[in-house]
Amino acid sequence: QNIFLELTEKCRAVVCCQATPLQKSVLVRL
């Protein structure tokens, strides 16, 4: 999780495709 968040902070846009509803809510909460 922390490595992924460090990567996303360096991006201007992050697009999550074909994600389940649970994955979407966990990602937003994270």
Full PDB file with SEQRES, HELIX, SHEET, SSBOND, CRYST1, ORIGX, SCALE, CONECT and MASTER records, all heavy atoms in Angstrom:
SEQRES   1 A   30  GLN ASN ILE PHE LEU GLU LEU THR GLU LYS CYS ARG ALA          
SEQRES   2 A   30  VAL VAL CYS CYS GLN ALA THR PRO LEU GLN LYS SER VAL          
SEQRES   3 A   30  LEU VAL ARG LEU                                              
HELIX    1 AA1 ASN A    2  GLU A    9  1                                   8    
HELIX    2 AA2 PRO A   21  ARG A   29  1                                   9    
CRYST1    1.000    1.000    1.000  90.00  90.00  90.00 P 1           1          
ORIGX1      1.000000  0.000000  0.000000        0.00000                         
ORIGX2      0.000000  1.000000  0.000000        0.00000                         
ORIGX3      0.000000  0.000000  1.000000        0.00000                         
SCALE1      1.000000  0.000000  0.000000        0.00000                         
SCALE2      0.000000  1.000000  0.000000        0.00000                         
SCALE3      0.000000  0.000000  1.000000        0.00000                         
ATOM      1  N   GLN A   1       0.815  -1.216   0.000  1.00  0.00           N  
ATOM      2  CA  GLN A   1       0.000   0.000   0.000  1.00  0.00           C  
ATOM      3  C   GLN A   1       0.852   1.271   0.000  1.00  0.00           C  
ATOM      4  O   GLN A   1       0.597   2.191  -0.775  1.00  0.00           O  
ATOM      5  CB  GLN A   1      -0.936   0.022   1.209  1.00  0.00           C  
ATOM      6  CG  GLN A   1      -2.120  -0.883   1.084  1.00  0.00           C  
ATOM      7  CD  GLN A   1      -3.021  -0.804   2.298  1.00  0.00           C  
ATOM      8  OE1 GLN A   1      -2.714  -0.133   3.278  1.00  0.00           O  
ATOM      9  NE2 GLN A   1      -4.138  -1.503   2.239  1.00  0.00           N  
ATOM     10  N   ASN A   2       1.848   1.325   0.849  1.00  0.00           N  
ATOM     11  CA  ASN A   2       2.672   2.540   0.937  1.00  0.00           C  
ATOM     12  C   ASN A   2       3.461   2.786  -0.338  1.00  0.00           C  
ATOM     13  O   ASN A   2       3.601   3.931  -0.779  1.00  0.00           O  
ATOM     14  CB  ASN A   2       3.605   2.460   2.144  1.00  0.00           C  
ATOM     15  CG  ASN A   2       2.836   2.536   3.451  1.00  0.00           C  
ATOM     16  OD1 ASN A   2       1.756   3.131   3.515  1.00  0.00           O  
ATOM     17  ND2 ASN A   2       3.378   1.935   4.498  1.00  0.00           N  
ATOM     18  N   ILE A   3       3.972   1.715  -0.937  1.00  0.00           N  
ATOM     19  CA  ILE A   3       4.716   1.861  -2.197  1.00  0.00           C  
ATOM     20  C   ILE A   3       3.780   2.354  -3.297  1.00  0.00           C  
ATOM     21  O   ILE A   3       4.137   3.236  -4.088  1.00  0.00           O  
ATOM     22  CB  ILE A   3       5.381   0.522  -2.589  1.00  0.00           C  
ATOM     23  CG1 ILE A   3       6.409   0.132  -1.521  1.00  0.00           C  
ATOM     24  CG2 ILE A   3       6.032   0.611  -3.957  1.00  0.00           C  
ATOM     25  CD1 ILE A   3       6.923  -1.279  -1.654  1.00  0.00           C  
ATOM     26  N   PHE A   4       2.583   1.803  -3.347  1.00  0.00           N  
ATOM     27  CA  PHE A   4       1.593   2.219  -4.336  1.00  0.00           C  
ATOM     28  C   PHE A   4       1.217   3.690  -4.141  1.00  0.00           C  
ATOM     29  O   PHE A   4       1.109   4.448  -5.109  1.00  0.00           O  
ATOM     30  CB  PHE A   4       0.354   1.327  -4.251  1.00  0.00           C  
ATOM     31  CG  PHE A   4      -0.760   1.733  -5.168  1.00  0.00           C  
ATOM     32  CD1 PHE A   4      -0.625   1.633  -6.541  1.00  0.00           C  
ATOM     33  CD2 PHE A   4      -1.943   2.227  -4.655  1.00  0.00           C  
ATOM     34  CE1 PHE A   4      -1.651   2.015  -7.382  1.00  0.00           C  
ATOM     35  CE2 PHE A   4      -2.974   2.612  -5.489  1.00  0.00           C  
ATOM     36  CZ  PHE A   4      -2.826   2.509  -6.851  1.00  0.00           C  
ATOM     37  N   LEU A   5       1.040   4.113  -2.890  1.00  0.00           N  
ATOM     38  CA  LEU A   5       0.691   5.506  -2.628  1.00  0.00           C  
ATOM     39  C   LEU A   5       1.820   6.459  -3.010  1.00  0.00           C  
ATOM     40  O   LEU A   5       1.579   7.547  -3.508  1.00  0.00           O  
ATOM     41  CB  LEU A   5       0.302   5.696  -1.164  1.00  0.00           C  
ATOM     42  CG  LEU A   5      -1.061   5.135  -0.778  1.00  0.00           C  
ATOM     43  CD1 LEU A   5      -1.285   5.248   0.718  1.00  0.00           C  
ATOM     44  CD2 LEU A   5      -2.172   5.818  -1.532  1.00  0.00           C  
ATOM     45  N   GLU A   6       3.063   6.057  -2.781  1.00  0.00           N  
ATOM     46  CA  GLU A   6       4.198   6.883  -3.205  1.00  0.00           C  
ATOM     47  C   GLU A   6       4.216   7.037  -4.722  1.00  0.00           C  
ATOM     48  O   GLU A   6       4.503   8.114  -5.245  1.00  0.00           O  
ATOM     49  CB  GLU A   6       5.513   6.256  -2.729  1.00  0.00           C  
ATOM     50  CG  GLU A   6       5.764   6.407  -1.253  1.00  0.00           C  
ATOM     51  CD  GLU A   6       7.052   5.716  -0.823  1.00  0.00           C  
ATOM     52  OE1 GLU A   6       7.968   5.583  -1.663  1.00  0.00           O  
ATOM     53  OE2 GLU A   6       7.126   5.313   0.346  1.00  0.00           O  
ATOM     54  N   LEU A   7       3.905   5.954  -5.422  1.00  0.00           N  
ATOM     55  CA  LEU A   7       3.858   6.006  -6.885  1.00  0.00           C  
ATOM     56  C   LEU A   7       2.738   6.919  -7.358  1.00  0.00           C  
ATOM     57  O   LEU A   7       2.923   7.734  -8.259  1.00  0.00           O  
ATOM     58  CB  LEU A   7       3.689   4.601  -7.459  1.00  0.00           C  
ATOM     59  CG  LEU A   7       3.515   4.503  -8.973  1.00  0.00           C  
ATOM     60  CD1 LEU A   7       4.781   4.977  -9.675  1.00  0.00           C  
ATOM     61  CD2 LEU A   7       3.178   3.074  -9.365  1.00  0.00           C  
ATOM     62  N   THR A   8       1.566   6.795  -6.755  1.00  0.00           N  
ATOM     63  CA  THR A   8       0.426   7.610  -7.190  1.00  0.00           C  
ATOM     64  C   THR A   8       0.636   9.088  -6.896  1.00  0.00           C  
ATOM     65  O   THR A   8       0.121   9.937  -7.617  1.00  0.00           O  
ATOM     66  CB  THR A   8      -0.886   7.143  -6.531  1.00  0.00           C  
ATOM     67  OG1 THR A   8      -0.745   7.203  -5.109  1.00  0.00           O  
ATOM     68  CG2 THR A   8      -1.248   5.741  -6.959  1.00  0.00           C  
ATOM     69  N   GLU A   9       1.381   9.419  -5.851  1.00  0.00           N  
ATOM     70  CA  GLU A   9       1.658  10.831  -5.551  1.00  0.00           C  
ATOM     71  C   GLU A   9       2.508  11.485  -6.627  1.00  0.00           C  
ATOM     72  O   GLU A   9       2.437  12.691  -6.832  1.00  0.00           O  
ATOM     73  CB  GLU A   9       2.376  10.952  -4.207  1.00  0.00           C  
ATOM     74  CG  GLU A   9       1.454  10.851  -3.021  1.00  0.00           C  
ATOM     75  CD  GLU A   9       2.190  11.107  -1.723  1.00  0.00           C  
ATOM     76  OE1 GLU A   9       3.195  10.432  -1.472  1.00  0.00           O  
ATOM     77  OE2 GLU A   9       1.728  11.991  -0.964  1.00  0.00           O  
ATOM     78  N   LYS A  10       3.286  10.704  -7.337  1.00  0.00           N  
ATOM     79  CA  LYS A  10       4.150  11.239  -8.386  1.00  0.00           C  
ATOM     80  C   LYS A  10       3.433  11.335  -9.733  1.00  0.00           C  
ATOM     81  O   LYS A  10       3.973  11.874 -10.679  1.00  0.00           O  
ATOM     82  CB  LYS A  10       5.401  10.369  -8.526  1.00  0.00           C  
ATOM     83  CG  LYS A  10       6.267  10.427  -7.292  1.00  0.00           C  
ATOM     84  CD  LYS A  10       7.448   9.522  -7.381  1.00  0.00           C  
ATOM     85  CE  LYS A  10       8.242   9.675  -6.080  1.00  0.00           C  
ATOM     86  NZ  LYS A  10       9.122   8.601  -5.826  1.00  0.00           N  
ATOM     87  N   CYS A  11       2.221  10.810  -9.803  1.00  0.00           N  
ATOM     88  CA  CYS A  11       1.455  10.826 -11.058  1.00  0.00           C  
ATOM     89  C   CYS A  11       0.483  11.992 -11.069  1.00  0.00           C  
ATOM     90  O   CYS A  11      -0.050  12.388 -10.041  1.00  0.00           O  
ATOM     91  CB  CYS A  11       0.669   9.527 -11.216  1.00  0.00           C  
ATOM     92  SG  CYS A  11       1.692   8.061 -11.323  1.00  0.00           S  
ATOM     93  N   ARG A  12       0.245  12.516 -12.247  1.00  0.00           N  
ATOM     94  CA  ARG A  12      -0.765  13.572 -12.394  1.00  0.00           C  
ATOM     95  C   ARG A  12      -2.164  12.985 -12.437  1.00  0.00           C  
ATOM     96  O   ARG A  12      -3.125  13.634 -12.058  1.00  0.00           O  
ATOM     97  CB  ARG A  12      -0.499  14.366 -13.667  1.00  0.00           C  
ATOM     98  CG  ARG A  12       0.741  15.235 -13.543  1.00  0.00           C  
ATOM     99  CD  ARG A  12       0.857  16.113 -14.726  1.00  0.00           C  
ATOM    100  NE  ARG A  12      -0.295  17.010 -14.760  1.00  0.00           N  
ATOM    101  CZ  ARG A  12      -0.236  18.282 -15.055  1.00  0.00           C  
ATOM    102  NH1 ARG A  12       0.908  18.813 -15.359  1.00  0.00           N  
ATOM    103  NH2 ARG A  12      -1.311  19.018 -15.076  1.00  0.00           N  
ATOM    104  N   ALA A  13      -2.283  11.748 -12.940  1.00  0.00           N  
ATOM    105  CA  ALA A  13      -3.592  11.096 -13.016  1.00  0.00           C  
ATOM    106  C   ALA A  13      -3.415   9.610 -12.776  1.00  0.00           C  
ATOM    107  O   ALA A  13      -2.447   9.003 -13.219  1.00  0.00           O  
ATOM    108  CB  ALA A  13      -4.221  11.329 -14.379  1.00  0.00           C  
ATOM    109  N   VAL A  14      -4.381   9.027 -12.067  1.00  0.00           N  
ATOM    110  CA  VAL A  14      -4.405   7.591 -11.824  1.00  0.00           C  
ATOM    111  C   VAL A  14      -5.778   7.101 -12.254  1.00  0.00           C  
ATOM    112  O   VAL A  14      -6.802   7.589 -11.778  1.00  0.00           O  
ATOM    113  CB  VAL A  14      -4.160   7.255 -10.338  1.00  0.00           C  
ATOM    114  CG1 VAL A  14      -4.231   5.763 -10.115  1.00  0.00           C  
ATOM    115  CG2 VAL A  14      -2.826   7.802  -9.880  1.00  0.00           C  
ATOM    116  N   VAL A  15      -5.789   6.124 -13.176  1.00  0.00           N  
ATOM    117  CA  VAL A  15      -7.035   5.575 -13.690  1.00  0.00           C  
ATOM    118  C   VAL A  15      -7.100   4.113 -13.283  1.00  0.00           C  
ATOM    119  O   VAL A  15      -6.207   3.320 -13.593  1.00  0.00           O  
ATOM    120  CB  VAL A  15      -7.111   5.711 -15.227  1.00  0.00           C  
ATOM    121  CG1 VAL A  15      -8.385   5.070 -15.750  1.00  0.00           C  
ATOM    122  CG2 VAL A  15      -7.034   7.162 -15.640  1.00  0.00           C  
ATOM    123  N   CYS A  16      -8.171   3.762 -12.583  1.00  0.00           N  
ATOM    124  CA  CYS A  16      -8.395   2.372 -12.189  1.00  0.00           C  
ATOM    125  C   CYS A  16      -9.542   1.839 -13.041  1.00  0.00           C  
ATOM    126  O   CYS A  16     -10.648   2.368 -13.002  1.00  0.00           O  
ATOM    127  CB  CYS A  16      -8.754   2.273 -10.716  1.00  0.00           C  
ATOM    128  SG  CYS A  16      -7.492   2.911  -9.624  1.00  0.00           S  
ATOM    129  N   CYS A  17      -9.260   0.799 -13.806  1.00  0.00           N  
ATOM    130  CA  CYS A  17     -10.285   0.243 -14.682  1.00  0.00           C  
ATOM    131  C   CYS A  17     -10.575  -1.203 -14.278  1.00  0.00           C  
ATOM    132  O   CYS A  17      -9.715  -1.896 -13.745  1.00  0.00           O  
ATOM    133  CB  CYS A  17      -9.857   0.329 -16.145  1.00  0.00           C  
ATOM    134  SG  CYS A  17      -8.285  -0.441 -16.498  1.00  0.00           S  
ATOM    135  N   GLN A  18     -11.776  -1.630 -14.534  1.00  0.00           N  
ATOM    136  CA  GLN A  18     -12.252  -2.976 -14.242  1.00  0.00           C  
ATOM    137  C   GLN A  18     -12.056  -3.331 -12.777  1.00  0.00           C  
ATOM    138  O   GLN A  18     -11.670  -4.443 -12.432  1.00  0.00           O  
ATOM    139  CB  GLN A  18     -11.562  -4.001 -15.141  1.00  0.00           C  
ATOM    140  CG  GLN A  18     -11.832  -3.778 -16.604  1.00  0.00           C  
ATOM    141  CD  GLN A  18     -11.017  -4.718 -17.485  1.00  0.00           C  
ATOM    142  OE1 GLN A  18     -10.069  -5.347 -17.034  1.00  0.00           O  
ATOM    143  NE2 GLN A  18     -11.406  -4.797 -18.743  1.00  0.00           N  
ATOM    144  N   ALA A  19     -12.321  -2.382 -11.893  1.00  0.00           N  
ATOM    145  CA  ALA A  19     -12.204  -2.606 -10.457  1.00  0.00           C  
ATOM    146  C   ALA A  19     -13.565  -2.959  -9.879  1.00  0.00           C  
ATOM    147  O   ALA A  19     -14.604  -2.511 -10.368  1.00  0.00           O  
ATOM    148  CB  ALA A  19     -11.648  -1.360  -9.779  1.00  0.00           C  
ATOM    149  N   THR A  20     -13.555  -3.753  -8.825  1.00  0.00           N  
ATOM    150  CA  THR A  20     -14.796  -4.122  -8.154  1.00  0.00           C  
ATOM    151  C   THR A  20     -15.243  -2.964  -7.269  1.00  0.00           C  
ATOM    152  O   THR A  20     -14.434  -2.100  -6.905  1.00  0.00           O  
ATOM    153  CB  THR A  20     -14.590  -5.380  -7.292  1.00  0.00           C  
ATOM    154  OG1 THR A  20     -13.669  -5.067  -6.237  1.00  0.00           O  
ATOM    155  CG2 THR A  20     -14.062  -6.532  -8.128  1.00  0.00           C  
ATOM    156  N   PRO A  21     -16.515  -2.940  -6.890  1.00  0.00           N  
ATOM    157  CA  PRO A  21     -16.981  -1.868  -6.007  1.00  0.00           C  
ATOM    158  C   PRO A  21     -16.208  -1.820  -4.683  1.00  0.00           C  
ATOM    159  O   PRO A  21     -15.914  -0.741  -4.173  1.00  0.00           O  
ATOM    160  CB  PRO A  21     -18.450  -2.208  -5.769  1.00  0.00           C  
ATOM    161  CG  PRO A  21     -18.855  -2.983  -6.974  1.00  0.00           C  
ATOM    162  CD  PRO A  21     -17.641  -3.755  -7.385  1.00  0.00           C  
ATOM    163  N   LEU A  22     -15.847  -2.970  -4.148  1.00  0.00           N  
ATOM    164  CA  LEU A  22     -15.088  -3.001  -2.902  1.00  0.00           C  
ATOM    165  C   LEU A  22     -13.694  -2.407  -3.096  1.00  0.00           C  
ATOM    166  O   LEU A  22     -13.208  -1.648  -2.245  1.00  0.00           O  
ATOM    167  CB  LEU A  22     -14.977  -4.434  -2.380  1.00  0.00           C  
ATOM    168  CG  LEU A  22     -14.223  -4.604  -1.065  1.00  0.00           C  
ATOM    169  CD1 LEU A  22     -14.929  -3.846   0.054  1.00  0.00           C  
ATOM    170  CD2 LEU A  22     -14.073  -6.071  -0.718  1.00  0.00           C  
ATOM    171  N   GLN A  23     -13.049  -2.709  -4.213  1.00  0.00           N  
ATOM    172  CA  GLN A  23     -11.724  -2.156  -4.498  1.00  0.00           C  
ATOM    173  C   GLN A  23     -11.785  -0.636  -4.629  1.00  0.00           C  
ATOM    174  O   GLN A  23     -10.895   0.078  -4.162  1.00  0.00           O  
ATOM    175  CB  GLN A  23     -11.145  -2.762  -5.774  1.00  0.00           C  
ATOM    176  CG  GLN A  23     -10.694  -4.185  -5.638  1.00  0.00           C  
ATOM    177  CD  GLN A  23     -10.264  -4.772  -6.969  1.00  0.00           C  
ATOM    178  OE1 GLN A  23     -10.733  -4.352  -8.029  1.00  0.00           O  
ATOM    179  NE2 GLN A  23      -9.382  -5.760  -6.905  1.00  0.00           N  
ATOM    180  N   LYS A  24     -12.837  -0.137  -5.263  1.00  0.00           N  
ATOM    181  CA  LYS A  24     -12.986   1.309  -5.413  1.00  0.00           C  
ATOM    182  C   LYS A  24     -13.107   1.994  -4.061  1.00  0.00           C  
ATOM    183  O   LYS A  24     -12.444   3.004  -3.801  1.00  0.00           O  
ATOM    184  CB  LYS A  24     -14.225   1.638  -6.257  1.00  0.00           C  
ATOM    185  CG  LYS A  24     -14.123   1.212  -7.700  1.00  0.00           C  
ATOM    186  CD  LYS A  24     -15.437   1.475  -8.407  1.00  0.00           C  
ATOM    187  CE  LYS A  24     -15.415   0.974  -9.838  1.00  0.00           C  
ATOM    188  NZ  LYS A  24     -16.689   1.219 -10.515  1.00  0.00           N  
ATOM    189  N   SER A  25     -13.935   1.460  -3.192  1.00  0.00           N  
ATOM    190  CA  SER A  25     -14.119   2.088  -1.879  1.00  0.00           C  
ATOM    191  C   SER A  25     -12.867   1.956  -1.020  1.00  0.00           C  
ATOM    192  O   SER A  25     -12.506   2.890  -0.303  1.00  0.00           O  
ATOM    193  CB  SER A  25     -15.333   1.497  -1.167  1.00  0.00           C  
ATOM    194  OG  SER A  25     -15.120   0.139  -0.868  1.00  0.00           O  
ATOM    195  N   VAL A  26     -12.174   0.819  -1.090  1.00  0.00           N  
ATOM    196  CA  VAL A  26     -10.933   0.652  -0.324  1.00  0.00           C  
ATOM    197  C   VAL A  26      -9.873   1.627  -0.809  1.00  0.00           C  
ATOM    198  O   VAL A  26      -9.142   2.213  -0.009  1.00  0.00           O  
ATOM    199  CB  VAL A  26     -10.431  -0.816  -0.416  1.00  0.00           C  
ATOM    200  CG1 VAL A  26      -9.020  -0.951   0.107  1.00  0.00           C  
ATOM    201  CG2 VAL A  26     -11.367  -1.735   0.341  1.00  0.00           C  
ATOM    202  N   LEU A  27      -9.794   1.836  -2.103  1.00  0.00           N  
ATOM    203  CA  LEU A  27      -8.806   2.758  -2.668  1.00  0.00           C  
ATOM    204  C   LEU A  27      -9.085   4.198  -2.233  1.00  0.00           C  
ATOM    205  O   LEU A  27      -8.168   4.929  -1.843  1.00  0.00           O  
ATOM    206  CB  LEU A  27      -8.802   2.650  -4.186  1.00  0.00           C  
ATOM    207  CG  LEU A  27      -7.700   3.386  -4.916  1.00  0.00           C  
ATOM    208  CD1 LEU A  27      -6.332   2.862  -4.493  1.00  0.00           C  
ATOM    209  CD2 LEU A  27      -7.867   3.243  -6.410  1.00  0.00           C  
ATOM    210  N   VAL A  28     -10.321   4.607  -2.264  1.00  0.00           N  
ATOM    211  CA  VAL A  28     -10.672   5.968  -1.831  1.00  0.00           C  
ATOM    212  C   VAL A  28     -10.389   6.134  -0.341  1.00  0.00           C  
ATOM    213  O   VAL A  28      -9.820   7.146   0.093  1.00  0.00           O  
ATOM    214  CB  VAL A  28     -12.148   6.284  -2.150  1.00  0.00           C  
ATOM    215  CG1 VAL A  28     -12.582   7.584  -1.512  1.00  0.00           C  
ATOM    216  CG2 VAL A  28     -12.369   6.353  -3.651  1.00  0.00           C  
ATOM    217  N   ARG A  29     -10.754   5.133   0.460  1.00  0.00           N  
ATOM    218  CA  ARG A  29     -10.490   5.198   1.895  1.00  0.00           C  
ATOM    219  C   ARG A  29      -8.988   5.245   2.175  1.00  0.00           C  
ATOM    220  O   ARG A  29      -8.523   5.980   3.054  1.00  0.00           O  
ATOM    221  CB  ARG A  29     -11.112   3.996   2.605  1.00  0.00           C  
ATOM    222  CG  ARG A  29     -10.985   4.074   4.112  1.00  0.00           C  
ATOM    223  CD  ARG A  29     -11.667   2.928   4.832  1.00  0.00           C  
ATOM    224  NE  ARG A  29     -13.111   3.095   4.755  1.00  0.00           N  
ATOM    225  CZ  ARG A  29     -13.931   2.225   4.176  1.00  0.00           C  
ATOM    226  NH1 ARG A  29     -13.459   1.136   3.631  1.00  0.00           N  
ATOM    227  NH2 ARG A  29     -15.225   2.441   4.149  1.00  0.00           N  
ATOM    228  N   LEU A  30      -8.217   4.485   1.415  1.00  0.00           N  
ATOM    229  CA  LEU A  30      -6.763   4.458   1.572  1.00  0.00           C  
ATOM    230  C   LEU A  30      -6.156   5.831   1.285  1.00  0.00           C  
ATOM    231  O   LEU A  30      -5.338   6.331   2.051  1.00  0.00           O  
ATOM    232  CB  LEU A  30      -6.163   3.403   0.642  1.00  0.00           C  
ATOM    233  CG  LEU A  30      -4.654   3.233   0.657  1.00  0.00           C  
ATOM    234  CD1 LEU A  30      -4.224   2.587   1.968  1.00  0.00           C  
ATOM    235  CD2 LEU A  30      -4.217   2.380  -0.520  1.00  0.00           C  
TER     236      LEU A  30                                                      
MASTER        0    0    0    2    0    0    0    6  235    1    0    3          
END                                                                             
